[in-house]
Amino acid sequence: MSRAAKWLLTIVILLVVVAAGAALIAHEPEIPTATVDTRQFPEEQVRRGQEVAAAGMCVVCHTAPGGQANAGGFHMETPFGVIVSTNITPDTETGIGGWSFEAFERAMRRGIARDGTHLYPAFPYTSFTKMSDEDMHDLYAYMMSQPPVRNQPQETHLPFPFNQRMLMAGWNLLFLDRDPVAKVASESEAWNRGQYLAVALGHCSACHTPRNALGAEKSGKDHLGGGQAEGWIAPALNGSSKAPIPWTEQALFDYLRAGYSDQHGAAGASMTPVVRVGTSQIAESDTRALATYIASQMAGAGQGKTGPTPPQREAAAQAAVATTDTLGARIYANACAACHHPGPGGPDLFGAQPPLWLATSLNLDQPDNVIRYVLNGTQHDAGNPRGGHMPGYAYALNDAQVAAVVQFMRESFTGQPAWNGVQDAVRRIRGEYPLALQGREQ
């Protein structure tokens, strides 16, 4: 389909959404402010709510770099523009301190704020709508019991027509599935718990599922098939995973609990805070349940594929670094090999790192993640010292040099075909600064 045809189709869909939204409601009513007495919440309920908040990772998106927890101001990149997160502390003027449980639940389940305005699905109410009533009440008790922070983040300003929030009424009519997470009788208790955590609280699909032209998650075989998160590629968590070594339940547990797996590496990019304040903080049994469920979704990944084995990739990497006299090889030898040494017995500098030929990012269809790591580095681990630290080379290497070392790693360490348009991708990603440097890890 041509670009013009795609835009025409998008406009037609938008018109349908506008019509549906206009027919659905004229406006949503404002819910009056309420005075919330936190003494009504038992200590045990607040503690349970803290677990729910960790599983939902509220603080990840509602905290600006260097800002106070949940006070809002984080800038989220989306295909429709930058969305700024709101203050969800119980401050009565700039946060949700005047929200009754009715207002809170409506926002969580229907994406409608207390004043009646529609929220964008960058706030994953499309997942939170499936939360249990008990978890919803516990979360409300916890959020309202936290210290209020007076902070007014800047408002979100999207280009027309996406700035027309009333369109979300039609969007919800088309795409909001409010059915609860159904238990599967043939699966274990741990699997069903993991499904609930992944689908409702953890909203894994929000990042790891591709979206259609209007920003709704695709379903069927595309569910957990890989998506985008703030400019990063979120790898597939289903049978289409590109990981060189298939993920096991234990590897997933190690990664989600400690931020590191020997065969897959350290949690980075948007996953860094997910592990640090989320999956490492919930009950260990819940982390295990989440790993159980995701491992089942990834079953069969890599079956039937041919290509070099990890030992063959290691041997090829050693040979390439030792004998190849190209720009990419020279840059790698001088800037990368001290930490990412291609042979056994090298030193562990700045935290242990797995061999790069085991990196999923080098095996993806696009080079974006590798480019971002080379440009930005990783400055904070997910709570495990083994995660390591890496300097960014944005100001040390030009576009051609970054493209050369990225392509060298792709061709030498994976056995995959060369990427196309790497230097153009470097130029595009570098052009996103300074927003790109805000990153999860900065």
Protein backbone atom coordinates (compact mmCIF):
# COMPACT_ATOMS: atom_id res chain seq x y z
CA MET A 1 0.00 0.00 0.00
CA SER A 2 1.39 3.41 -0.93
CA ARG A 3 1.99 6.13 1.64
CA ALA A 4 -0.85 8.21 0.18
CA ALA A 5 -3.22 5.27 0.42
CA LYS A 6 -2.21 4.67 4.02
CA TRP A 7 -2.85 8.29 4.91
CA LEU A 8 -6.22 8.17 3.15
CA LEU A 9 -7.14 5.06 5.08
CA THR A 10 -6.04 6.71 8.31
CA ILE A 11 -8.19 9.77 7.59
CA VAL A 12 -11.18 7.56 6.85
CA ILE A 13 -10.67 5.70 10.12
CA LEU A 14 -10.32 9.00 11.96
CA LEU A 15 -13.61 10.20 10.52
CA VAL A 16 -15.26 7.01 11.72
CA VAL A 17 -13.77 7.53 15.16
CA VAL A 18 -14.97 11.15 15.28
CA ALA A 19 -18.46 10.12 14.28
CA ALA A 20 -18.52 7.28 16.79
CA GLY A 21 -17.22 9.49 19.57
CA ALA A 22 -19.70 12.26 18.86
CA ALA A 23 -22.54 9.76 18.85
CA LEU A 24 -21.35 8.09 22.03
CA ILE A 25 -21.18 11.14 24.30
CA ALA A 26 -21.37 14.89 24.23
CA HIS A 27 -19.04 15.02 27.21
CA GLU A 28 -18.16 13.01 30.27
CA PRO A 29 -19.38 14.45 33.58
CA GLU A 30 -16.97 15.89 36.09
CA ILE A 31 -16.83 13.99 39.35
CA PRO A 32 -16.83 16.39 42.33
CA THR A 33 -13.69 16.66 44.43
CA ALA A 34 -13.60 14.64 47.59
CA THR A 35 -11.83 14.87 50.91
CA VAL A 36 -9.97 11.62 51.46
CA ASP A 37 -9.28 10.56 55.04
CA THR A 38 -6.33 8.19 54.79
CA ARG A 39 -7.02 6.89 58.31
CA GLN A 40 -9.76 4.78 56.77
CA PHE A 41 -7.16 2.59 55.05
CA PRO A 42 -5.84 -0.30 57.15
CA GLU A 43 -2.08 -0.68 57.19
CA GLU A 44 -2.33 -4.11 55.57
CA GLN A 45 -4.37 -2.70 52.68
CA VAL A 46 -1.79 0.02 52.07
CA ARG A 47 0.95 -2.62 52.07
CA ARG A 48 -0.97 -4.69 49.51
CA GLY A 49 -1.46 -1.55 47.44
CA GLN A 50 2.29 -0.96 47.45
CA GLU A 51 2.71 -4.40 45.85
CA VAL A 52 0.09 -3.54 43.24
CA ALA A 53 1.84 -0.24 42.48
CA ALA A 54 5.15 -2.05 42.05
CA ALA A 55 3.58 -4.60 39.72
CA GLY A 56 1.96 -1.77 37.74
CA MET A 57 5.20 0.26 37.80
CA CYS A 58 3.34 3.54 38.21
CA VAL A 59 6.49 5.38 39.26
CA VAL A 60 8.28 4.48 36.02
CA CYS A 61 6.25 6.76 33.77
CA HIS A 62 5.07 9.27 36.36
CA THR A 63 8.50 10.42 37.50
CA ALA A 64 10.64 12.90 35.59
CA PRO A 65 14.43 12.46 35.52
CA GLY A 66 15.67 13.88 38.82
CA GLY A 67 12.09 14.55 39.92
CA GLN A 68 10.12 13.31 42.90
CA ALA A 69 8.37 9.98 42.71
CA ASN A 70 5.01 10.03 40.92
CA ALA A 71 5.04 13.84 40.60
CA GLY A 72 4.80 13.60 36.80
CA GLY A 73 6.70 15.37 34.07
CA PHE A 74 8.21 12.43 32.20
CA HIS A 75 8.20 12.95 28.41
CA MET A 76 7.04 9.88 26.50
CA GLU A 77 7.72 9.68 22.79
CA THR A 78 4.84 8.29 20.74
CA PRO A 79 4.13 8.22 16.97
CA PHE A 80 1.59 10.99 17.59
CA GLY A 81 3.83 13.33 19.55
CA VAL A 82 5.29 13.71 23.04
CA ILE A 83 2.97 12.96 25.94
CA VAL A 84 3.86 14.37 29.36
CA SER A 85 2.90 12.28 32.38
CA THR A 86 0.77 13.79 35.12
CA ASN A 87 1.21 14.18 38.86
CA ILE A 88 -0.40 11.21 40.63
CA THR A 89 0.62 12.08 44.18
CA PRO A 90 -2.25 13.03 46.54
CA ASP A 91 -1.61 16.76 46.24
CA THR A 92 -5.04 18.39 46.13
CA GLU A 93 -4.10 21.12 43.66
CA THR A 94 -1.67 19.54 41.19
CA GLY A 95 -2.20 15.83 41.80
CA ILE A 96 -5.06 13.45 42.54
CA GLY A 97 -5.61 14.37 46.19
CA GLY A 98 -9.20 15.42 45.49
CA TRP A 99 -10.09 12.25 43.61
CA SER A 100 -12.68 9.94 45.11
CA PHE A 101 -12.38 6.22 44.52
CA GLU A 102 -15.07 6.59 41.85
CA ALA A 103 -12.92 9.10 39.95
CA PHE A 104 -9.79 6.99 40.39
CA GLU A 105 -11.47 3.82 39.16
CA ARG A 106 -12.99 5.59 36.15
CA ALA A 107 -9.56 6.79 35.08
CA MET A 108 -8.03 3.36 35.59
CA ARG A 109 -10.77 1.39 33.84
CA ARG A 110 -12.11 3.83 31.23
CA GLY A 111 -9.32 6.37 30.71
CA ILE A 112 -11.38 9.38 31.82
CA ALA A 113 -9.96 11.88 34.32
CA ARG A 114 -11.91 13.33 37.25
CA ASP A 115 -12.75 16.48 35.30
CA GLY A 116 -14.23 14.41 32.45
CA THR A 117 -11.38 14.76 29.95
CA HIS A 118 -10.18 11.68 28.13
CA LEU A 119 -6.72 10.26 28.75
CA TYR A 120 -4.48 8.95 26.01
CA PRO A 121 -3.68 5.22 26.01
CA ALA A 122 -0.03 6.02 26.65
CA PHE A 123 -1.49 5.66 30.13
CA PRO A 124 -2.25 1.93 29.88
CA TYR A 125 -5.82 1.95 31.14
CA THR A 126 -6.41 -0.56 28.37
CA SER A 127 -4.60 -3.03 30.65
CA PHE A 128 -5.54 -1.61 34.05
CA THR A 129 -9.23 -1.97 33.18
CA LYS A 130 -8.73 -5.71 33.74
CA MET A 131 -7.51 -5.29 37.34
CA SER A 132 -9.44 -7.05 40.07
CA ASP A 133 -11.68 -4.95 42.31
CA GLU A 134 -9.51 -5.82 45.33
CA ASP A 135 -6.32 -4.68 43.61
CA MET A 136 -8.03 -1.47 42.51
CA HIS A 137 -9.12 -0.62 46.06
CA ASP A 138 -5.70 -1.53 47.47
CA LEU A 139 -3.90 0.61 44.91
CA TYR A 140 -6.16 3.58 45.69
CA ALA A 141 -5.43 3.19 49.41
CA TYR A 142 -1.69 3.15 48.76
CA MET A 143 -1.61 6.08 46.34
CA MET A 144 -3.70 8.27 48.64
CA SER A 145 -1.45 7.40 51.60
CA GLN A 146 1.74 8.66 49.94
CA PRO A 147 3.31 12.09 50.59
CA PRO A 148 1.71 14.78 48.40
CA VAL A 149 4.05 16.63 46.05
CA ARG A 150 3.10 20.00 44.66
CA ASN A 151 4.22 19.93 41.03
CA GLN A 152 2.42 21.02 37.88
CA PRO A 153 3.95 19.32 34.83
CA GLN A 154 3.60 21.02 31.49
CA GLU A 155 0.53 20.04 29.53
CA THR A 156 0.59 17.62 26.64
CA HIS A 157 0.24 19.32 23.26
CA LEU A 158 -0.23 16.95 20.33
CA PRO A 159 -0.74 18.11 16.74
CA PHE A 160 -4.23 18.18 15.22
CA PRO A 161 -6.30 16.00 15.14
CA PHE A 162 -4.71 14.05 17.99
CA ASN A 163 -5.10 17.02 20.34
CA GLN A 164 -8.86 16.53 20.22
CA ARG A 165 -9.32 14.36 23.28
CA MET A 166 -12.99 13.73 22.48
CA LEU A 167 -11.75 11.40 19.74
CA MET A 168 -10.72 9.00 22.47
CA ALA A 169 -14.38 8.25 23.13
CA GLY A 170 -14.62 6.72 19.68
CA TRP A 171 -11.22 5.09 20.08
CA ASN A 172 -12.41 3.42 23.27
CA LEU A 173 -15.55 2.25 21.53
CA LEU A 174 -13.44 0.57 18.87
CA PHE A 175 -10.51 -0.74 20.88
CA LEU A 176 -11.09 -0.82 24.65
CA ASP A 177 -11.62 -4.42 25.77
CA ARG A 178 -12.84 -4.40 29.36
CA ASP A 179 -13.28 -8.15 29.78
CA PRO A 180 -11.46 -9.50 32.84
CA VAL A 181 -8.48 -11.82 32.50
CA ALA A 182 -9.99 -15.28 32.20
CA LYS A 183 -8.35 -18.13 34.06
CA VAL A 184 -7.29 -21.13 32.02
CA ALA A 185 -8.28 -24.30 33.84
CA SER A 186 -5.68 -26.42 32.09
CA GLU A 187 -2.82 -24.20 33.28
CA SER A 188 -1.16 -24.02 36.70
CA GLU A 189 -1.96 -21.51 39.41
CA ALA A 190 1.42 -19.87 38.79
CA TRP A 191 0.73 -19.58 35.06
CA ASN A 192 -2.67 -17.95 35.67
CA ARG A 193 -1.17 -15.56 38.19
CA GLY A 194 1.53 -14.69 35.68
CA GLN A 195 -1.06 -14.11 32.99
CA TYR A 196 -2.91 -11.64 35.23
CA LEU A 197 0.33 -9.85 36.12
CA ALA A 198 1.41 -9.61 32.47
CA VAL A 199 -1.95 -8.67 30.97
CA ALA A 200 -3.48 -6.45 33.66
CA LEU A 201 -0.96 -5.03 36.13
CA GLY A 202 2.35 -5.30 34.29
CA HIS A 203 0.83 -4.23 30.94
CA CYS A 204 3.67 -5.98 29.08
CA SER A 205 1.82 -5.71 25.78
CA ALA A 206 1.86 -1.91 25.97
CA CYS A 207 5.48 -1.96 24.83
CA HIS A 208 5.95 -5.45 23.43
CA THR A 209 3.01 -5.53 20.98
CA PRO A 210 2.89 -3.69 17.63
CA ARG A 211 0.15 -1.11 17.17
CA ASN A 212 -2.11 -0.16 14.29
CA ALA A 213 -2.36 3.25 12.61
CA LEU A 214 -4.43 4.62 15.48
CA GLY A 215 -2.19 3.39 18.25
CA ALA A 216 -4.23 0.37 19.34
CA GLU A 217 -2.45 -2.87 20.15
CA LYS A 218 -2.74 -5.56 17.51
CA SER A 219 -4.07 -8.95 18.54
CA GLY A 220 -3.82 -12.59 17.53
CA LYS A 221 -0.37 -13.68 16.40
CA ASP A 222 0.87 -10.10 16.83
CA HIS A 223 0.20 -10.13 20.57
CA LEU A 224 3.58 -9.69 22.29
CA GLY A 225 5.16 -9.77 18.84
CA GLY A 226 7.44 -6.80 19.51
CA GLY A 227 6.72 -3.09 19.61
CA GLN A 228 8.15 0.35 20.35
CA ALA A 229 8.88 2.06 23.66
CA GLU A 230 10.15 5.65 23.64
CA GLY A 231 12.15 5.10 20.48
CA TRP A 232 13.51 1.71 21.55
CA ILE A 233 12.47 -1.54 19.93
CA ALA A 234 10.77 -3.74 22.52
CA PRO A 235 11.64 -7.30 21.41
CA ALA A 236 9.02 -9.97 20.83
CA LEU A 237 7.91 -11.99 23.84
CA ASN A 238 6.27 -14.71 21.79
CA GLY A 239 7.40 -17.41 19.40
CA SER A 240 8.88 -14.83 17.02
CA SER A 241 11.60 -13.83 19.50
CA LYS A 242 14.94 -13.08 17.84
CA ALA A 243 17.01 -14.12 20.86
CA PRO A 244 19.97 -16.26 19.69
CA ILE A 245 19.39 -18.63 22.63
CA PRO A 246 15.72 -19.28 23.51
CA TRP A 247 14.60 -17.79 26.81
CA THR A 248 13.85 -20.28 29.57
CA GLU A 249 11.67 -19.73 32.61
CA GLN A 250 14.76 -19.56 34.81
CA ALA A 251 16.51 -17.07 32.52
CA LEU A 252 13.40 -14.88 32.51
CA PHE A 253 13.18 -15.07 36.30
CA ASP A 254 16.85 -14.08 36.66
CA TYR A 255 16.40 -11.18 34.23
CA LEU A 256 13.18 -9.90 35.80
CA ARG A 257 14.33 -10.38 39.38
CA ALA A 258 17.97 -9.34 39.24
CA GLY A 259 18.21 -7.46 35.95
CA TYR A 260 20.69 -9.91 34.47
CA SER A 261 20.74 -13.27 32.69
CA ASP A 262 24.00 -14.99 31.82
CA GLN A 263 22.74 -16.00 28.37
CA HIS A 264 20.87 -12.80 27.52
CA GLY A 265 22.53 -9.92 29.28
CA ALA A 266 21.52 -6.98 31.42
CA ALA A 267 18.22 -5.15 31.52
CA GLY A 268 18.66 -1.87 29.68
CA ALA A 269 16.73 1.00 28.11
CA SER A 270 13.08 1.06 29.23
CA MET A 271 13.48 -2.27 31.02
CA THR A 272 15.96 -0.83 33.52
CA PRO A 273 13.35 0.89 35.72
CA VAL A 274 10.82 -1.88 35.09
CA VAL A 275 13.16 -4.27 36.88
CA ARG A 276 14.51 -1.80 39.43
CA VAL A 277 11.15 -0.60 40.80
CA GLY A 278 8.86 -3.31 39.49
CA THR A 279 9.68 -6.96 38.97
CA SER A 280 12.49 -6.98 41.56
CA GLN A 281 10.23 -5.45 44.21
CA ILE A 282 7.10 -7.58 43.96
CA ALA A 283 6.79 -10.91 45.78
CA GLU A 284 9.35 -13.38 44.47
CA SER A 285 6.54 -15.82 43.73
CA ASP A 286 4.94 -13.20 41.48
CA THR A 287 8.18 -12.65 39.58
CA ARG A 288 8.38 -16.41 39.13
CA ALA A 289 4.76 -16.54 37.97
CA LEU A 290 5.41 -13.79 35.44
CA ALA A 291 8.41 -15.71 34.11
CA THR A 292 6.30 -18.86 33.89
CA TYR A 293 3.66 -17.15 31.78
CA ILE A 294 6.05 -15.31 29.45
CA ALA A 295 8.14 -18.44 28.94
CA SER A 296 5.00 -20.22 27.75
CA GLN A 297 4.32 -17.43 25.25
CA MET A 298 7.88 -17.71 23.92
CA ALA A 299 7.74 -21.48 23.55
CA GLY A 300 8.99 -22.58 20.15
CA ALA A 301 11.03 -19.46 19.49
CA GLY A 302 14.01 -20.31 17.33
CA GLN A 303 12.79 -23.73 16.33
CA GLY A 304 13.56 -24.59 12.74
CA LYS A 305 16.02 -21.73 12.35
CA THR A 306 19.45 -22.36 10.94
CA GLY A 307 22.60 -20.40 11.44
CA PRO A 308 25.82 -20.37 13.41
CA THR A 309 25.72 -21.73 16.94
CA PRO A 310 26.93 -19.55 19.84
CA PRO A 311 30.38 -21.22 19.84
CA GLN A 312 30.64 -20.64 16.08
CA ARG A 313 29.64 -17.02 16.57
CA GLU A 314 32.26 -16.62 19.28
CA ALA A 315 34.95 -18.05 17.02
CA ALA A 316 33.85 -15.79 14.15
CA ALA A 317 33.91 -12.76 16.46
CA GLN A 318 37.43 -13.53 17.64
CA ALA A 319 38.62 -13.95 14.07
CA ALA A 320 36.93 -10.78 12.90
CA VAL A 321 38.40 -8.62 15.65
CA ALA A 322 41.86 -10.16 15.24
CA THR A 323 42.19 -10.14 11.46
CA THR A 324 39.67 -7.76 9.89
CA ASP A 325 41.15 -4.39 8.97
CA THR A 326 38.03 -2.32 8.44
CA LEU A 327 36.86 0.92 10.03
CA GLY A 328 34.27 -0.93 12.10
CA ALA A 329 36.76 -3.53 13.32
CA ARG A 330 39.32 -0.88 14.30
CA ILE A 331 36.73 1.13 16.23
CA TYR A 332 35.54 -2.02 17.98
CA ALA A 333 39.08 -3.05 18.90
CA ASN A 334 39.88 0.38 20.34
CA ALA A 335 36.59 1.44 21.90
CA CYS A 336 34.66 -1.73 22.70
CA ALA A 337 36.87 -4.79 23.08
CA ALA A 338 38.29 -3.86 26.48
CA CYS A 339 34.90 -4.65 28.03
CA HIS A 340 33.24 -6.67 25.26
CA HIS A 341 36.25 -8.89 24.62
CA PRO A 342 35.52 -11.54 21.97
CA GLY A 343 37.41 -14.39 23.60
CA PRO A 344 37.39 -16.26 26.92
CA GLY A 345 39.42 -15.19 29.91
CA GLY A 346 39.15 -11.43 29.50
CA PRO A 347 38.60 -9.07 32.42
CA ASP A 348 35.17 -8.05 33.71
CA LEU A 349 35.23 -4.28 33.64
CA PHE A 350 32.40 -2.11 35.00
CA GLY A 351 30.28 -5.20 35.66
CA ALA A 352 30.14 -8.51 33.86
CA GLN A 353 28.73 -8.43 30.35
CA PRO A 354 27.60 -11.40 28.26
CA PRO A 355 29.16 -11.93 24.84
CA LEU A 356 27.65 -9.61 22.28
CA TRP A 357 26.91 -12.53 19.97
CA LEU A 358 24.19 -13.47 22.47
CA ALA A 359 22.56 -10.03 22.28
CA THR A 360 18.99 -9.95 21.00
CA SER A 361 19.47 -6.35 19.84
CA LEU A 362 22.08 -7.42 17.26
CA ASN A 363 19.63 -9.96 15.84
CA LEU A 364 16.63 -7.65 15.42
CA ASP A 365 15.43 -6.53 12.00
CA GLN A 366 16.38 -2.90 12.70
CA PRO A 367 19.62 -1.47 14.16
CA ASP A 368 17.97 1.16 16.38
CA ASN A 369 18.67 -0.42 19.77
CA VAL A 370 22.34 -1.06 19.01
CA ILE A 371 22.75 2.50 17.73
CA ARG A 372 21.15 3.91 20.87
CA TYR A 373 23.44 1.88 23.10
CA VAL A 374 26.50 3.09 21.18
CA LEU A 375 25.37 6.72 21.30
CA ASN A 376 23.90 6.83 24.82
CA GLY A 377 25.65 4.04 26.67
CA THR A 378 24.07 2.76 29.87
CA GLN A 379 24.65 4.81 32.99
CA HIS A 380 22.47 3.00 35.54
CA ASP A 381 21.92 -0.67 36.13
CA ALA A 382 18.67 -2.26 37.23
CA GLY A 383 19.90 -2.84 40.75
CA ASN A 384 22.41 -5.61 40.03
CA PRO A 385 26.10 -4.63 39.92
CA ARG A 386 26.61 -7.27 37.24
CA GLY A 387 24.52 -5.15 34.91
CA GLY A 388 27.48 -2.99 34.15
CA HIS A 389 27.97 0.58 32.96
CA MET A 390 28.90 1.78 29.51
CA PRO A 391 29.88 5.26 28.34
CA GLY A 392 28.07 6.82 25.42
CA TYR A 393 30.00 7.63 22.26
CA ALA A 394 27.67 10.27 20.83
CA TYR A 395 30.35 12.94 21.08
CA ALA A 396 33.33 10.72 20.32
CA LEU A 397 32.20 9.06 17.07
CA ASN A 398 30.64 10.63 14.01
CA ASP A 399 27.71 9.11 12.12
CA ALA A 400 29.88 7.14 9.71
CA GLN A 401 31.97 5.69 12.55
CA VAL A 402 28.91 4.67 14.58
CA ALA A 403 27.38 3.06 11.51
CA ALA A 404 30.64 1.22 10.76
CA VAL A 405 31.00 -0.33 14.23
CA VAL A 406 27.30 -1.22 14.41
CA GLN A 407 27.43 -2.95 11.03
CA PHE A 408 30.67 -4.70 11.99
CA MET A 409 29.08 -6.22 15.08
CA ARG A 410 25.99 -7.27 13.13
CA GLU A 411 27.92 -9.04 10.39
CA SER A 412 30.68 -10.52 12.57
CA PHE A 413 28.76 -11.63 15.64
CA THR A 414 25.38 -12.84 14.34
CA GLY A 415 25.57 -14.43 10.92
CA GLN A 416 22.60 -12.22 9.98
CA PRO A 417 22.53 -10.18 6.77
CA ALA A 418 23.77 -6.61 6.92
CA TRP A 419 21.31 -3.93 7.96
CA ASN A 420 20.23 -1.36 5.37
CA GLY A 421 20.36 2.38 5.97
CA VAL A 422 22.38 2.24 9.19
CA GLN A 423 23.97 5.67 8.76
CA ASP A 424 20.56 7.22 8.05
CA ALA A 425 19.27 5.58 11.24
CA VAL A 426 22.22 6.99 13.20
CA ARG A 427 21.49 10.46 11.85
CA ARG A 428 17.80 10.14 12.73
CA ILE A 429 18.42 8.92 16.26
CA ARG A 430 21.12 11.50 16.92
CA GLY A 431 18.66 14.15 15.76
CA GLU A 432 16.30 13.23 18.59
CA TYR A 433 18.61 14.77 21.17
CA PRO A 434 18.19 16.13 23.77
CA LEU A 435 14.97 14.16 24.32
CA ALA A 436 16.72 10.90 23.54
CA LEU A 437 19.20 11.58 26.29
CA GLN A 438 16.37 11.90 28.81
CA GLY A 439 16.10 8.09 28.43
CA ARG A 440 15.25 5.65 31.14
CA GLU A 441 18.86 5.22 32.06
CA GLN A 442 19.99 8.82 32.31
